[in-house]
Amino acid sequence: MKTSAVFLLLFLAVSFTQGNAEPDGAADQGTEAACGNYDIRKGCTKNFDPVCGTDSVLYGNECLLCVQNISSPMRSREQAQPKQGTAAGVCLQKLTQTKS
């Protein structure tokens, strides 16, 4: 009986901690990359966690986006508002497909 209860509690804990495969609402808002978290001089890791840039390019991870931002920084927050049918909207669609 105790074993069944432990497995049931474990199952419920895992069930309630699972996230969904949809992009965060923040991605729709055009959040700014946290480039201060990376030491660009040492290079980026190869982990695949794709993000959309304001240039409508899908980058492999946030660090790679930050490398690009050093050479051509974001000009305005409005550019980060992807709309359906635009190049930025297409990037967001690709992002959604890679995370599902």
PDB file of N, CA and C in Angstrom:
ATOM      1  N   MET A   1       0.821  -1.190   0.000  1.00  0.00           N
ATOM      2  CA  MET A   1       0.000   0.000   0.000  1.00  0.00           C
ATOM      3  C   MET A   1       0.876   1.269   0.000  1.00  0.00           C
ATOM      4  N   LYS A   2       1.913   1.260   0.842  1.00  0.00           N
ATOM      5  CA  LYS A   2       2.788   2.429   0.899  1.00  0.00           C
ATOM      6  C   LYS A   2       3.494   2.649  -0.436  1.00  0.00           C
ATOM      7  N   THR A   3       3.887   1.562  -1.078  1.00  0.00           N
ATOM      8  CA  THR A   3       4.567   1.667  -2.366  1.00  0.00           C
ATOM      9  C   THR A   3       3.653   2.289  -3.407  1.00  0.00           C
ATOM     10  N   SER A   4       2.397   1.890  -3.414  1.00  0.00           N
ATOM     11  CA  SER A   4       1.425   2.460  -4.358  1.00  0.00           C
ATOM     12  C   SER A   4       1.230   3.945  -4.103  1.00  0.00           C
ATOM     13  N   ALA A   5       1.161   4.325  -2.842  1.00  0.00           N
ATOM     14  CA  ALA A   5       0.977   5.732  -2.495  1.00  0.00           C
ATOM     15  C   ALA A   5       2.188   6.556  -2.929  1.00  0.00           C
ATOM     16  N   VAL A   6       3.380   6.015  -2.749  1.00  0.00           N
ATOM     17  CA  VAL A   6       4.598   6.723  -3.147  1.00  0.00           C
ATOM     18  C   VAL A   6       4.623   6.918  -4.659  1.00  0.00           C
ATOM     19  N   PHE A   7       4.298   5.865  -5.416  1.00  0.00           N
ATOM     20  CA  PHE A   7       4.274   5.983  -6.873  1.00  0.00           C
ATOM     21  C   PHE A   7       3.203   6.961  -7.339  1.00  0.00           C
ATOM     22  N   LEU A   8       2.054   6.958  -6.676  1.00  0.00           N
ATOM     23  CA  LEU A   8       0.984   7.890  -7.029  1.00  0.00           C
ATOM     24  C   LEU A   8       1.438   9.330  -6.790  1.00  0.00           C
ATOM     25  N   LEU A   9       2.039   9.588  -5.645  1.00  0.00           N
ATOM     26  CA  LEU A   9       2.524  10.942  -5.351  1.00  0.00           C
ATOM     27  C   LEU A   9       3.627  11.359  -6.323  1.00  0.00           C
ATOM     28  N   LEU A  10       4.512  10.444  -6.652  1.00  0.00           N
ATOM     29  CA  LEU A  10       5.576  10.740  -7.607  1.00  0.00           C
ATOM     30  C   LEU A  10       4.998  11.060  -8.978  1.00  0.00           C
ATOM     31  N   PHE A  11       4.027  10.271  -9.409  1.00  0.00           N
ATOM     32  CA  PHE A  11       3.371  10.507 -10.691  1.00  0.00           C
ATOM     33  C   PHE A  11       2.692  11.877 -10.717  1.00  0.00           C
ATOM     34  N   LEU A  12       1.977  12.217  -9.645  1.00  0.00           N
ATOM     35  CA  LEU A  12       1.301  13.515  -9.592  1.00  0.00           C
ATOM     36  C   LEU A  12       2.305  14.665  -9.591  1.00  0.00           C
ATOM     37  N   ALA A  13       3.400  14.502  -8.869  1.00  0.00           N
ATOM     38  CA  ALA A  13       4.415  15.559  -8.830  1.00  0.00           C
ATOM     39  C   ALA A  13       5.007  15.794 -10.206  1.00  0.00           C
ATOM     40  N   VAL A  14       5.305  14.727 -10.924  1.00  0.00           N
ATOM     41  CA  VAL A  14       5.868  14.859 -12.269  1.00  0.00           C
ATOM     42  C   VAL A  14       4.836  15.447 -13.219  1.00  0.00           C
ATOM     43  N   SER A  15       3.593  15.043 -13.085  1.00  0.00           N
ATOM     44  CA  SER A  15       2.529  15.538 -13.971  1.00  0.00           C
ATOM     45  C   SER A  15       2.332  17.038 -13.839  1.00  0.00           C
ATOM     46  N   PHE A  16       2.403  17.542 -12.623  1.00  0.00           N
ATOM     47  CA  PHE A  16       2.145  18.961 -12.410  1.00  0.00           C
ATOM     48  C   PHE A  16       3.354  19.845 -12.678  1.00  0.00           C
ATOM     49  N   THR A  17       4.522  19.256 -12.835  1.00  0.00           N
ATOM     50  CA  THR A  17       5.707  20.074 -13.109  1.00  0.00           C
ATOM     51  C   THR A  17       6.074  20.100 -14.582  1.00  0.00           C
ATOM     52  N   GLN A  18       5.371  19.362 -15.421  1.00  0.00           N
ATOM     53  CA  GLN A  18       5.666  19.354 -16.851  1.00  0.00           C
ATOM     54  C   GLN A  18       5.177  20.647 -17.482  1.00  0.00           C
ATOM     55  N   GLY A  19       6.005  21.273 -18.314  1.00  0.00           N
ATOM     56  CA  GLY A  19       5.626  22.493 -19.020  1.00  0.00           C
ATOM     57  C   GLY A  19       4.970  22.162 -20.345  1.00  0.00           C
ATOM     58  N   ASN A  20       4.530  23.200 -21.033  1.00  0.00           N
ATOM     59  CA  ASN A  20       3.961  22.984 -22.365  1.00  0.00           C
ATOM     60  C   ASN A  20       5.004  23.322 -23.418  1.00  0.00           C
ATOM     61  N   ALA A  21       4.731  22.948 -24.655  1.00  0.00           N
ATOM     62  CA  ALA A  21       5.696  23.140 -25.740  1.00  0.00           C
ATOM     63  C   ALA A  21       5.472  24.441 -26.488  1.00  0.00           C
ATOM     64  N   GLU A  22       4.628  25.314 -25.968  1.00  0.00           N
ATOM     65  CA  GLU A  22       4.369  26.584 -26.634  1.00  0.00           C
ATOM     66  C   GLU A  22       5.403  27.607 -26.191  1.00  0.00           C
ATOM     67  N   PRO A  23       5.709  28.566 -27.057  1.00  0.00           N
ATOM     68  CA  PRO A  23       6.658  29.600 -26.645  1.00  0.00           C
ATOM     69  C   PRO A  23       6.071  30.446 -25.529  1.00  0.00           C
ATOM     70  N   ASP A  24       6.935  30.986 -24.707  1.00  0.00           N
ATOM     71  CA  ASP A  24       6.485  31.850 -23.629  1.00  0.00           C
ATOM     72  C   ASP A  24       5.756  33.053 -24.179  1.00  0.00           C
ATOM     73  N   GLY A  25       4.814  33.574 -23.392  1.00  0.00           N
ATOM     74  CA  GLY A  25       4.128  34.794 -23.784  1.00  0.00           C
ATOM     75  C   GLY A  25       5.115  35.935 -23.957  1.00  0.00           C
ATOM     76  N   ALA A  26       6.213  35.874 -23.224  1.00  0.00           N
ATOM     77  CA  ALA A  26       7.232  36.913 -23.333  1.00  0.00           C
ATOM     78  C   ALA A  26       7.826  36.957 -24.733  1.00  0.00           C
ATOM     79  N   ALA A  27       7.875  35.815 -25.411  1.00  0.00           N
ATOM     80  CA  ALA A  27       8.415  35.800 -26.775  1.00  0.00           C
ATOM     81  C   ALA A  27       7.544  36.628 -27.701  1.00  0.00           C
ATOM     82  N   ASP A  28       6.228  36.637 -27.439  1.00  0.00           N
ATOM     83  CA  ASP A  28       5.324  37.440 -28.243  1.00  0.00           C
ATOM     84  C   ASP A  28       5.530  38.929 -27.980  1.00  0.00           C
ATOM     85  N   GLN A  29       6.048  39.274 -26.811  1.00  0.00           N
ATOM     86  CA  GLN A  29       6.239  40.665 -26.430  1.00  0.00           C
ATOM     87  C   GLN A  29       7.553  41.232 -26.938  1.00  0.00           C
ATOM     88  N   GLY A  30       8.425  40.407 -27.461  1.00  0.00           N
ATOM     89  CA  GLY A  30       9.705  40.904 -27.949  1.00  0.00           C
ATOM     90  C   GLY A  30      10.643  41.245 -26.815  1.00  0.00           C
ATOM     91  N   THR A  31      10.871  40.310 -25.918  1.00  0.00           N
ATOM     92  CA  THR A  31      11.758  40.568 -24.791  1.00  0.00           C
ATOM     93  C   THR A  31      13.200  40.703 -25.262  1.00  0.00           C
ATOM     94  N   GLU A  32      13.958  41.453 -24.516  1.00  0.00           N
ATOM     95  CA  GLU A  32      15.356  41.693 -24.868  1.00  0.00           C
ATOM     96  C   GLU A  32      16.229  40.543 -24.373  1.00  0.00           C
ATOM     97  N   ALA A  33      17.206  40.172 -25.152  1.00  0.00           N
ATOM     98  CA  ALA A  33      18.120  39.089 -24.774  1.00  0.00           C
ATOM     99  C   ALA A  33      18.954  39.505 -23.568  1.00  0.00           C
ATOM    100  N   ALA A  34      19.233  38.555 -22.691  1.00  0.00           N
ATOM    101  CA  ALA A  34      20.036  38.809 -21.493  1.00  0.00           C
ATOM    102  C   ALA A  34      21.509  38.576 -21.819  1.00  0.00           C
ATOM    103  N   CYS A  35      22.076  39.461 -22.617  1.00  0.00           N
ATOM    104  CA  CYS A  35      23.445  39.278 -23.106  1.00  0.00           C
ATOM    105  C   CYS A  35      24.484  39.388 -22.000  1.00  0.00           C
ATOM    106  N   GLY A  36      24.129  40.006 -20.891  1.00  0.00           N
ATOM    107  CA  GLY A  36      25.054  40.104 -19.771  1.00  0.00           C
ATOM    108  C   GLY A  36      25.341  38.758 -19.119  1.00  0.00           C
ATOM    109  N   ASN A  37      24.531  37.748 -19.434  1.00  0.00           N
ATOM    110  CA  ASN A  37      24.728  36.416 -18.864  1.00  0.00           C
ATOM    111  C   ASN A  37      25.819  35.621 -19.569  1.00  0.00           C
ATOM    112  N   TYR A  38      26.366  36.135 -20.663  1.00  0.00           N
ATOM    113  CA  TYR A  38      27.309  35.373 -21.478  1.00  0.00           C
ATOM    114  C   TYR A  38      28.645  36.092 -21.591  1.00  0.00           C
ATOM    115  N   ASP A  39      29.718  35.329 -21.580  1.00  0.00           N
ATOM    116  CA  ASP A  39      31.046  35.871 -21.854  1.00  0.00           C
ATOM    117  C   ASP A  39      31.331  35.573 -23.324  1.00  0.00           C
ATOM    118  N   ILE A  40      30.969  36.521 -24.169  1.00  0.00           N
ATOM    119  CA  ILE A  40      31.035  36.341 -25.619  1.00  0.00           C
ATOM    120  C   ILE A  40      32.464  36.031 -26.073  1.00  0.00           C
ATOM    121  N   ARG A  41      33.453  36.564 -25.354  1.00  0.00           N
ATOM    122  CA  ARG A  41      34.848  36.334 -25.745  1.00  0.00           C
ATOM    123  C   ARG A  41      35.220  34.853 -25.681  1.00  0.00           C
ATOM    124  N   LYS A  42      34.571  34.103 -24.781  1.00  0.00           N
ATOM    125  CA  LYS A  42      34.862  32.671 -24.650  1.00  0.00           C
ATOM    126  C   LYS A  42      34.063  31.834 -25.637  1.00  0.00           C
ATOM    127  N   GLY A  43      33.099  32.437 -26.305  1.00  0.00           N
ATOM    128  CA  GLY A  43      32.281  31.703 -27.263  1.00  0.00           C
ATOM    129  C   GLY A  43      30.995  31.194 -26.639  1.00  0.00           C
ATOM    130  N   CYS A  44      30.159  30.638 -27.468  1.00  0.00           N
ATOM    131  CA  CYS A  44      28.847  30.154 -27.044  1.00  0.00           C
ATOM    132  C   CYS A  44      28.833  28.631 -26.989  1.00  0.00           C
ATOM    133  N   THR A  45      27.970  28.109 -26.153  1.00  0.00           N
ATOM    134  CA  THR A  45      27.784  26.657 -26.112  1.00  0.00           C
ATOM    135  C   THR A  45      26.991  26.226 -27.337  1.00  0.00           C
ATOM    136  N   LYS A  46      26.939  24.945 -27.583  1.00  0.00           N
ATOM    137  CA  LYS A  46      26.231  24.433 -28.752  1.00  0.00           C
ATOM    138  C   LYS A  46      24.839  23.923 -28.407  1.00  0.00           C
ATOM    139  N   ASN A  47      24.331  24.276 -27.213  1.00  0.00           N
ATOM    140  CA  ASN A  47      22.986  23.820 -26.865  1.00  0.00           C
ATOM    141  C   ASN A  47      21.967  24.465 -27.798  1.00  0.00           C
ATOM    142  N   PHE A  48      20.941  23.717 -28.164  1.00  0.00           N
ATOM    143  CA  PHE A  48      19.925  24.201 -29.102  1.00  0.00           C
ATOM    144  C   PHE A  48      18.704  24.636 -28.316  1.00  0.00           C
ATOM    145  N   ASP A  49      18.537  25.944 -28.180  1.00  0.00           N
ATOM    146  CA  ASP A  49      17.381  26.547 -27.518  1.00  0.00           C
ATOM    147  C   ASP A  49      17.030  27.782 -28.345  1.00  0.00           C
ATOM    148  N   PRO A  50      16.363  27.588 -29.496  1.00  0.00           N
ATOM    149  CA  PRO A  50      16.215  28.641 -30.505  1.00  0.00           C
ATOM    150  C   PRO A  50      15.460  29.880 -30.023  1.00  0.00           C
ATOM    151  N   VAL A  51      15.902  31.032 -30.528  1.00  0.00           N
ATOM    152  CA  VAL A  51      15.256  32.318 -30.259  1.00  0.00           C
ATOM    153  C   VAL A  51      15.173  33.111 -31.559  1.00  0.00           C
ATOM    154  N   CYS A  52      14.150  33.956 -31.664  1.00  0.00           N
ATOM    155  CA  CYS A  52      13.980  34.819 -32.834  1.00  0.00           C
ATOM    156  C   CYS A  52      14.671  36.150 -32.581  1.00  0.00           C
ATOM    157  N   GLY A  53      15.425  36.603 -33.551  1.00  0.00           N
ATOM    158  CA  GLY A  53      16.033  37.919 -33.466  1.00  0.00           C
ATOM    159  C   GLY A  53      15.134  38.960 -34.101  1.00  0.00           C
ATOM    160  N   THR A  54      15.380  40.228 -33.805  1.00  0.00           N
ATOM    161  CA  THR A  54      14.586  41.303 -34.408  1.00  0.00           C
ATOM    162  C   THR A  54      14.875  41.440 -35.892  1.00  0.00           C
ATOM    163  N   ASP A  55      15.924  40.755 -36.360  1.00  0.00           N
ATOM    164  CA  ASP A  55      16.225  40.734 -37.790  1.00  0.00           C
ATOM    165  C   ASP A  55      15.497  39.589 -38.487  1.00  0.00           C
ATOM    166  N   SER A  56      14.550  38.957 -37.779  1.00  0.00           N
ATOM    167  CA  SER A  56      13.720  37.853 -38.289  1.00  0.00           C
ATOM    168  C   SER A  56      14.507  36.582 -38.552  1.00  0.00           C
ATOM    169  N   VAL A  57      15.679  36.450 -37.940  1.00  0.00           N
ATOM    170  CA  VAL A  57      16.497  35.246 -38.072  1.00  0.00           C
ATOM    171  C   VAL A  57      16.288  34.387 -36.829  1.00  0.00           C
ATOM    172  N   LEU A  58      16.185  33.084 -37.029  1.00  0.00           N
ATOM    173  CA  LEU A  58      16.070  32.144 -35.919  1.00  0.00           C
ATOM    174  C   LEU A  58      17.480  31.717 -35.516  1.00  0.00           C
ATOM    175  N   TYR A  59      17.918  32.110 -34.310  1.00  0.00           N
ATOM    176  CA  TYR A  59      19.250  31.788 -33.802  1.00  0.00           C
ATOM    177  C   TYR A  59      19.189  30.520 -32.960  1.00  0.00           C
ATOM    178  N   GLY A  60      20.263  29.753 -32.950  1.00  0.00           N
ATOM    179  CA  GLY A  60      20.306  28.481 -32.238  1.00  0.00           C
ATOM    180  C   GLY A  60      20.159  28.606 -30.733  1.00  0.00           C
ATOM    181  N   ASN A  61      20.616  29.714 -30.169  1.00  0.00           N
ATOM    182  CA  ASN A  61      20.428  29.979 -28.740  1.00  0.00           C
ATOM    183  C   ASN A  61      20.634  31.474 -28.484  1.00  0.00           C
ATOM    184  N   GLU A  62      20.357  31.886 -27.258  1.00  0.00           N
ATOM    185  CA  GLU A  62      20.414  33.307 -26.924  1.00  0.00           C
ATOM    186  C   GLU A  62      21.826  33.871 -27.037  1.00  0.00           C
ATOM    187  N   CYS A  63      22.827  33.074 -26.709  1.00  0.00           N
ATOM    188  CA  CYS A  63      24.212  33.539 -26.812  1.00  0.00           C
ATOM    189  C   CYS A  63      24.563  33.902 -28.252  1.00  0.00           C
ATOM    190  N   LEU A  64      24.158  33.061 -29.201  1.00  0.00           N
ATOM    191  CA  LEU A  64      24.433  33.354 -30.612  1.00  0.00           C
ATOM    192  C   LEU A  64      23.723  34.628 -31.060  1.00  0.00           C
ATOM    193  N   LEU A  65      22.534  34.866 -30.527  1.00  0.00           N
ATOM    194  CA  LEU A  65      21.824  36.116 -30.802  1.00  0.00           C
ATOM    195  C   LEU A  65      22.618  37.299 -30.254  1.00  0.00           C
ATOM    196  N   CYS A  66      23.172  37.144 -29.061  1.00  0.00           N
ATOM    197  CA  CYS A  66      23.950  38.228 -28.453  1.00  0.00           C
ATOM    198  C   CYS A  66      25.204  38.547 -29.261  1.00  0.00           C
ATOM    199  N   VAL A  67      25.840  37.528 -29.819  1.00  0.00           N
ATOM    200  CA  VAL A  67      27.010  37.752 -30.675  1.00  0.00           C
ATOM    201  C   VAL A  67      26.607  38.625 -31.856  1.00  0.00           C
ATOM    202  N   GLN A  68      25.463  38.326 -32.459  1.00  0.00           N
ATOM    203  CA  GLN A  68      24.974  39.128 -33.584  1.00  0.00           C
ATOM    204  C   GLN A  68      24.619  40.541 -33.131  1.00  0.00           C
ATOM    205  N   ASN A  69      24.036  40.662 -31.928  1.00  0.00           N
ATOM    206  CA  ASN A  69      23.639  41.982 -31.425  1.00  0.00           C
ATOM    207  C   ASN A  69      24.828  42.906 -31.209  1.00  0.00           C
ATOM    208  N   ILE A  70      25.991  42.345 -30.943  1.00  0.00           N
ATOM    209  CA  ILE A  70      27.184  43.179 -30.757  1.00  0.00           C
ATOM    210  C   ILE A  70      27.524  43.909 -32.054  1.00  0.00           C
ATOM    211  N   SER A  71      27.374  43.218 -33.180  1.00  0.00           N
ATOM    212  CA  SER A  71      27.723  43.842 -34.457  1.00  0.00           C
ATOM    213  C   SER A  71      26.600  44.704 -35.024  1.00  0.00           C
ATOM    214  N   SER A  72      25.354  44.406 -34.695  1.00  0.00           N
ATOM    215  CA  SER A  72      24.229  45.231 -35.171  1.00  0.00           C
ATOM    216  C   SER A  72      23.107  45.206 -34.137  1.00  0.00           C
ATOM    217  N   PRO A  73      23.168  46.105 -33.135  1.00  0.00           N
ATOM    218  CA  PRO A  73      22.189  46.092 -32.046  1.00  0.00           C
ATOM    219  C   PRO A  73      20.774  46.444 -32.508  1.00  0.00           C
ATOM    220  N   MET A  74      19.790  46.046 -31.695  1.00  0.00           N
ATOM    221  CA  MET A  74      18.384  46.326 -31.977  1.00  0.00           C
ATOM    222  C   MET A  74      18.158  47.837 -32.007  1.00  0.00           C
ATOM    223  N   ARG A  75      17.475  48.296 -33.034  1.00  0.00           N
ATOM    224  CA  ARG A  75      17.258  49.731 -33.177  1.00  0.00           C
ATOM    225  C   ARG A  75      16.023  50.210 -32.418  1.00  0.00           C
ATOM    226  N   SER A  76      14.986  49.397 -32.339  1.00  0.00           N
ATOM    227  CA  SER A  76      13.795  49.822 -31.604  1.00  0.00           C
ATOM    228  C   SER A  76      13.037  48.619 -31.090  1.00  0.00           C
ATOM    229  N   ARG A  77      12.290  48.819 -30.028  1.00  0.00           N
ATOM    230  CA  ARG A  77      11.491  47.757 -29.429  1.00  0.00           C
ATOM    231  C   ARG A  77      10.391  47.310 -30.391  1.00  0.00           C
ATOM    232  N   GLU A  78       9.870  48.208 -31.237  1.00  0.00           N
ATOM    233  CA  GLU A  78       8.791  47.867 -32.161  1.00  0.00           C
ATOM    234  C   GLU A  78       9.203  46.774 -33.136  1.00  0.00           C
ATOM    235  N   GLN A  79      10.469  46.694 -33.477  1.00  0.00           N
ATOM    236  CA  GLN A  79      10.940  45.663 -34.397  1.00  0.00           C
ATOM    237  C   GLN A  79      10.776  44.271 -33.794  1.00  0.00           C
ATOM    238  N   ALA A  80      10.672  44.202 -32.481  1.00  0.00           N
ATOM    239  CA  ALA A  80      10.577  42.911 -31.807  1.00  0.00           C
ATOM    240  C   ALA A  80       9.134  42.445 -31.646  1.00  0.00           C
ATOM    241  N   GLN A  81       8.188  43.084 -32.312  1.00  0.00           N
ATOM    242  CA  GLN A  81       6.780  42.704 -32.230  1.00  0.00           C
ATOM    243  C   GLN A  81       6.403  41.891 -33.465  1.00  0.00           C
ATOM    244  N   PRO A  82       6.605  40.567 -33.457  1.00  0.00           N
ATOM    245  CA  PRO A  82       6.314  39.775 -34.650  1.00  0.00           C
ATOM    246  C   PRO A  82       4.831  39.747 -34.976  1.00  0.00           C
ATOM    247  N   LYS A  83       4.499  39.909 -36.226  1.00  0.00           N
ATOM    248  CA  LYS A  83       3.117  39.870 -36.684  1.00  0.00           C
ATOM    249  C   LYS A  83       2.980  38.763 -37.714  1.00  0.00           C
ATOM    250  N   GLN A  84       1.813  38.134 -37.727  1.00  0.00           N
ATOM    251  CA  GLN A  84       1.561  37.035 -38.656  1.00  0.00           C
ATOM    252  C   GLN A  84       1.769  37.501 -40.091  1.00  0.00           C
ATOM    253  N   GLY A  85       2.466  36.713 -40.886  1.00  0.00           N
ATOM    254  CA  GLY A  85       2.673  37.024 -42.295  1.00  0.00           C
ATOM    255  C   GLY A  85       3.909  37.858 -42.571  1.00  0.00           C
ATOM    256  N   THR A  86       4.515  38.440 -41.537  1.00  0.00           N
ATOM    257  CA  THR A  86       5.740  39.210 -41.742  1.00  0.00           C
ATOM    258  C   THR A  86       6.931  38.277 -41.561  1.00  0.00           C
ATOM    259  N   ALA A  87       8.107  38.766 -41.891  1.00  0.00           N
ATOM    260  CA  ALA A  87       9.306  37.939 -41.719  1.00  0.00           C
ATOM    261  C   ALA A  87       9.482  37.556 -40.254  1.00  0.00           C
ATOM    262  N   ALA A  88       9.216  38.501 -39.336  1.00  0.00           N
ATOM    263  CA  ALA A  88       9.324  38.194 -37.908  1.00  0.00           C
ATOM    264  C   ALA A  88       8.272  37.179 -37.496  1.00  0.00           C
ATOM    265  N   GLY A  89       7.090  37.265 -38.092  1.00  0.00           N
ATOM    266  CA  GLY A  89       6.044  36.283 -37.808  1.00  0.00           C
ATOM    267  C   GLY A  89       6.443  34.897 -38.269  1.00  0.00           C
ATOM    268  N   VAL A  90       7.116  34.819 -39.412  1.00  0.00           N
ATOM    269  CA  VAL A  90       7.604  33.535 -39.922  1.00  0.00           C
ATOM    270  C   VAL A  90       8.646  32.966 -38.967  1.00  0.00           C
ATOM    271  N   CYS A  91       9.522  33.821 -38.454  1.00  0.00           N
ATOM    272  CA  CYS A  91      10.527  33.378 -37.492  1.00  0.00           C
ATOM    273  C   CYS A  91       9.842  32.808 -36.255  1.00  0.00           C
ATOM    274  N   LEU A  92       8.808  33.482 -35.767  1.00  0.00           N
ATOM    275  CA  LEU A  92       8.077  33.004 -34.598  1.00  0.00           C
ATOM    276  C   LEU A  92       7.400  31.671 -34.891  1.00  0.00           C
ATOM    277  N   GLN A  93       6.890  31.490 -36.117  1.00  0.00           N
ATOM    278  CA  GLN A  93       6.285  30.207 -36.487  1.00  0.00           C
ATOM    279  C   GLN A  93       7.331  29.096 -36.466  1.00  0.00           C
ATOM    280  N   LYS A  94       8.528  29.376 -36.978  1.00  0.00           N
ATOM    281  CA  LYS A  94       9.611  28.381 -36.956  1.00  0.00           C
ATOM    282  C   LYS A  94       9.965  28.028 -35.518  1.00  0.00           C
ATOM    283  N   LEU A  95      10.021  29.051 -34.659  1.00  0.00           N
ATOM    284  CA  LEU A  95      10.342  28.838 -33.256  1.00  0.00           C
ATOM    285  C   LEU A  95       9.305  27.932 -32.613  1.00  0.00           C
ATOM    286  N   THR A  96       8.036  28.182 -32.893  1.00  0.00           N
ATOM    287  CA  THR A  96       6.959  27.366 -32.342  1.00  0.00           C
ATOM    288  C   THR A  96       7.083  25.924 -32.818  1.00  0.00           C
ATOM    289  N   GLN A  97       7.429  25.730 -34.080  1.00  0.00           N
ATOM    290  CA  GLN A  97       7.563  24.380 -34.632  1.00  0.00           C
ATOM    291  C   GLN A  97       8.743  23.635 -34.020  1.00  0.00           C
ATOM    292  N   THR A  98       9.843  24.326 -33.734  1.00  0.00           N
ATOM    293  CA  THR A  98      11.011  23.647 -33.178  1.00  0.00           C
ATOM    294  C   THR A  98      10.793  23.268 -31.723  1.00  0.00           C
ATOM    295  N   LYS A  99       9.923  23.995 -31.010  1.00  0.00           N
ATOM    296  CA  LYS A  99       9.693  23.706 -29.599  1.00  0.00           C
ATOM    297  C   LYS A  99       8.548  22.735 -29.378  1.00  0.00           C
ATOM    298  N   SER A 100       7.848  22.336 -30.446  1.00  0.00           N
ATOM    299  CA  SER A 100       6.738  21.391 -30.256  1.00  0.00           C
ATOM    300  C   SER A 100       7.118  19.988 -30.641  1.00  0.00           C
TER     301      SER A 100
END
